[in-house]
Amino acid sequence: MRPFAFLTAALAALTARLDAEDLERGDVPGWVMITVMTAALVLAILVPFRTAIVDAVTNALTSVTSSG
């Protein structure tokens, strides 16, 4: 009898949740904001320091490939 009561309570909770209005509907999810903010930070760092970053990566790759 106890599993049946648990199943009934779970179904009742699920039904209530599906019937209730979603108060956050239409809002931008948090992961979208994190993705946009990360892209903005990457661009903010990349634009002024592009040549320095390219030179550093080129030097690192050259030192790895030329040492063999």
N, C-alpha and C. Protein backbone atom coordinates (compact mmCIF):
# COMPACT_ATOMS: atom_id res chain seq x y z
N MET A 1 0.82 -1.20 0.00
CA MET A 1 0.00 0.00 0.00
C MET A 1 0.86 1.26 0.00
N ARG A 2 2.00 1.19 0.67
CA ARG A 2 2.85 2.36 0.77
C ARG A 2 3.40 2.82 -0.58
N PRO A 3 3.88 1.93 -1.47
CA PRO A 3 4.34 2.38 -2.78
C PRO A 3 3.23 3.05 -3.58
N PHE A 4 2.01 2.56 -3.42
CA PHE A 4 0.89 3.18 -4.14
C PHE A 4 0.66 4.61 -3.66
N ALA A 5 0.79 4.85 -2.35
CA ALA A 5 0.62 6.19 -1.80
C ALA A 5 1.72 7.12 -2.29
N PHE A 6 2.95 6.60 -2.37
CA PHE A 6 4.05 7.41 -2.87
C PHE A 6 3.83 7.77 -4.33
N LEU A 7 3.40 6.79 -5.13
CA LEU A 7 3.13 7.04 -6.55
C LEU A 7 2.00 8.05 -6.73
N THR A 8 0.98 7.94 -5.92
CA THR A 8 -0.14 8.88 -6.00
C THR A 8 0.32 10.29 -5.64
N ALA A 9 1.13 10.42 -4.60
CA ALA A 9 1.63 11.74 -4.19
C ALA A 9 2.54 12.33 -5.27
N ALA A 10 3.39 11.49 -5.87
CA ALA A 10 4.29 11.98 -6.92
C ALA A 10 3.50 12.44 -8.13
N LEU A 11 2.49 11.68 -8.52
CA LEU A 11 1.66 12.09 -9.67
C LEU A 11 0.88 13.36 -9.37
N ALA A 12 0.40 13.51 -8.15
CA ALA A 12 -0.32 14.72 -7.77
C ALA A 12 0.60 15.94 -7.81
N ALA A 13 1.83 15.78 -7.33
CA ALA A 13 2.80 16.88 -7.36
C ALA A 13 3.16 17.25 -8.79
N LEU A 14 3.34 16.24 -9.63
CA LEU A 14 3.68 16.50 -11.03
C LEU A 14 2.54 17.20 -11.74
N THR A 15 1.31 16.77 -11.49
CA THR A 15 0.15 17.41 -12.10
C THR A 15 0.03 18.86 -11.66
N ALA A 16 0.24 19.11 -10.38
CA ALA A 16 0.16 20.48 -9.88
C ALA A 16 1.24 21.35 -10.51
N ARG A 17 2.42 20.79 -10.68
CA ARG A 17 3.51 21.56 -11.29
C ARG A 17 3.22 21.88 -12.75
N LEU A 18 2.67 20.92 -13.47
CA LEU A 18 2.38 21.14 -14.88
C LEU A 18 1.22 22.11 -15.07
N ASP A 19 0.27 22.12 -14.14
CA ASP A 19 -0.88 23.01 -14.26
C ASP A 19 -0.56 24.44 -13.83
N ALA A 20 0.43 24.62 -12.98
CA ALA A 20 0.77 25.95 -12.47
C ALA A 20 1.42 26.78 -13.57
N GLU A 21 1.22 28.09 -13.48
CA GLU A 21 1.88 28.98 -14.43
C GLU A 21 3.36 29.05 -14.13
N ASP A 22 4.16 29.06 -15.17
CA ASP A 22 5.60 29.17 -15.00
C ASP A 22 5.95 30.65 -14.90
N LEU A 23 6.34 31.09 -13.72
CA LEU A 23 6.61 32.50 -13.48
C LEU A 23 7.85 32.99 -14.22
N GLU A 24 8.75 32.09 -14.59
CA GLU A 24 9.97 32.49 -15.26
C GLU A 24 9.91 32.31 -16.77
N ARG A 25 8.75 32.00 -17.27
CA ARG A 25 8.61 31.78 -18.71
C ARG A 25 8.94 33.08 -19.46
N GLY A 26 9.76 32.97 -20.49
CA GLY A 26 10.13 34.14 -21.28
C GLY A 26 11.45 34.76 -20.84
N ASP A 27 11.95 34.41 -19.68
CA ASP A 27 13.23 34.94 -19.23
C ASP A 27 14.37 34.20 -19.91
N VAL A 28 15.47 34.88 -20.04
CA VAL A 28 16.66 34.25 -20.62
C VAL A 28 17.27 33.31 -19.58
N PRO A 29 17.49 32.05 -19.94
CA PRO A 29 18.10 31.13 -18.97
C PRO A 29 19.50 31.57 -18.57
N GLY A 30 19.91 31.14 -17.41
CA GLY A 30 21.22 31.53 -16.89
C GLY A 30 22.37 31.09 -17.77
N TRP A 31 22.26 29.91 -18.38
CA TRP A 31 23.38 29.43 -19.19
C TRP A 31 23.56 30.26 -20.44
N VAL A 32 22.48 30.85 -20.95
CA VAL A 32 22.61 31.71 -22.13
C VAL A 32 23.35 32.99 -21.75
N MET A 33 23.01 33.55 -20.59
CA MET A 33 23.70 34.76 -20.15
C MET A 33 25.18 34.48 -19.88
N ILE A 34 25.50 33.34 -19.29
CA ILE A 34 26.90 33.00 -19.04
C ILE A 34 27.65 32.85 -20.35
N THR A 35 27.03 32.22 -21.35
CA THR A 35 27.68 32.05 -22.65
C THR A 35 27.93 33.39 -23.32
N VAL A 36 26.95 34.27 -23.29
CA VAL A 36 27.11 35.59 -23.91
C VAL A 36 28.17 36.41 -23.18
N MET A 37 28.16 36.35 -21.86
CA MET A 37 29.15 37.12 -21.10
C MET A 37 30.56 36.57 -21.33
N THR A 38 30.70 35.26 -21.45
CA THR A 38 32.01 34.66 -21.73
C THR A 38 32.51 35.09 -23.10
N ALA A 39 31.64 35.08 -24.10
CA ALA A 39 32.03 35.51 -25.44
C ALA A 39 32.45 36.98 -25.43
N ALA A 40 31.74 37.80 -24.67
CA ALA A 40 32.09 39.22 -24.58
C ALA A 40 33.45 39.40 -23.92
N LEU A 41 33.73 38.62 -22.87
CA LEU A 41 35.04 38.71 -22.22
C LEU A 41 36.16 38.26 -23.14
N VAL A 42 35.93 37.21 -23.90
CA VAL A 42 36.95 36.74 -24.84
C VAL A 42 37.24 37.81 -25.88
N LEU A 43 36.20 38.42 -26.41
CA LEU A 43 36.41 39.49 -27.39
C LEU A 43 37.10 40.70 -26.77
N ALA A 44 36.72 41.03 -25.54
CA ALA A 44 37.34 42.19 -24.88
C ALA A 44 38.83 41.96 -24.64
N ILE A 45 39.23 40.71 -24.41
CA ILE A 45 40.65 40.41 -24.21
C ILE A 45 41.35 40.25 -25.55
N LEU A 46 40.69 39.62 -26.51
CA LEU A 46 41.32 39.30 -27.79
C LEU A 46 41.59 40.53 -28.65
N VAL A 47 40.66 41.46 -28.68
CA VAL A 47 40.80 42.60 -29.60
C VAL A 47 42.06 43.44 -29.30
N PRO A 48 42.28 43.91 -28.09
CA PRO A 48 43.46 44.75 -27.89
C PRO A 48 44.79 43.97 -27.87
N PHE A 49 44.74 42.68 -27.52
CA PHE A 49 45.97 41.91 -27.37
C PHE A 49 46.14 40.85 -28.44
N ARG A 50 45.53 41.03 -29.59
CA ARG A 50 45.55 40.02 -30.64
C ARG A 50 46.96 39.70 -31.12
N THR A 51 47.74 40.69 -31.42
CA THR A 51 49.09 40.43 -31.94
C THR A 51 49.95 39.74 -30.88
N ALA A 52 49.82 40.14 -29.63
CA ALA A 52 50.61 39.52 -28.57
C ALA A 52 50.20 38.05 -28.38
N ILE A 53 48.91 37.77 -28.47
CA ILE A 53 48.45 36.39 -28.31
C ILE A 53 48.91 35.53 -29.49
N VAL A 54 48.80 36.06 -30.70
CA VAL A 54 49.23 35.31 -31.88
C VAL A 54 50.73 35.04 -31.81
N ASP A 55 51.52 36.05 -31.42
CA ASP A 55 52.96 35.86 -31.29
C ASP A 55 53.31 34.81 -30.23
N ALA A 56 52.62 34.85 -29.11
CA ALA A 56 52.89 33.89 -28.03
C ALA A 56 52.56 32.46 -28.47
N VAL A 57 51.43 32.28 -29.14
CA VAL A 57 51.05 30.94 -29.61
C VAL A 57 52.03 30.46 -30.69
N THR A 58 52.41 31.35 -31.59
CA THR A 58 53.35 30.98 -32.65
C THR A 58 54.70 30.58 -32.05
N ASN A 59 55.18 31.35 -31.09
CA ASN A 59 56.45 31.02 -30.43
C ASN A 59 56.37 29.68 -29.70
N ALA A 60 55.24 29.43 -29.03
CA ALA A 60 55.08 28.17 -28.31
C ALA A 60 55.06 26.99 -29.27
N LEU A 61 54.33 27.12 -30.37
CA LEU A 61 54.27 26.03 -31.33
C LEU A 61 55.61 25.81 -32.02
N THR A 62 56.32 26.89 -32.30
CA THR A 62 57.64 26.78 -32.93
C THR A 62 58.62 26.09 -32.00
N SER A 63 58.60 26.43 -30.73
CA SER A 63 59.53 25.82 -29.77
C SER A 63 59.22 24.33 -29.59
N VAL A 64 57.97 23.94 -29.69
CA VAL A 64 57.62 22.52 -29.54
C VAL A 64 57.99 21.74 -30.78
N THR A 65 57.71 22.28 -31.95
CA THR A 65 57.95 21.53 -33.19
C THR A 65 59.44 21.55 -33.58
N SER A 66 60.20 22.56 -33.22
CA SER A 66 61.60 22.63 -33.63
C SER A 66 62.54 21.89 -32.67
N SER A 67 62.07 21.49 -31.51
CA SER A 67 62.96 20.84 -30.55
C SER A 67 63.20 19.37 -30.87
N GLY A 68 62.44 18.78 -31.79
CA GLY A 68 62.58 17.36 -32.10
C GLY A 68 63.50 17.14 -33.18
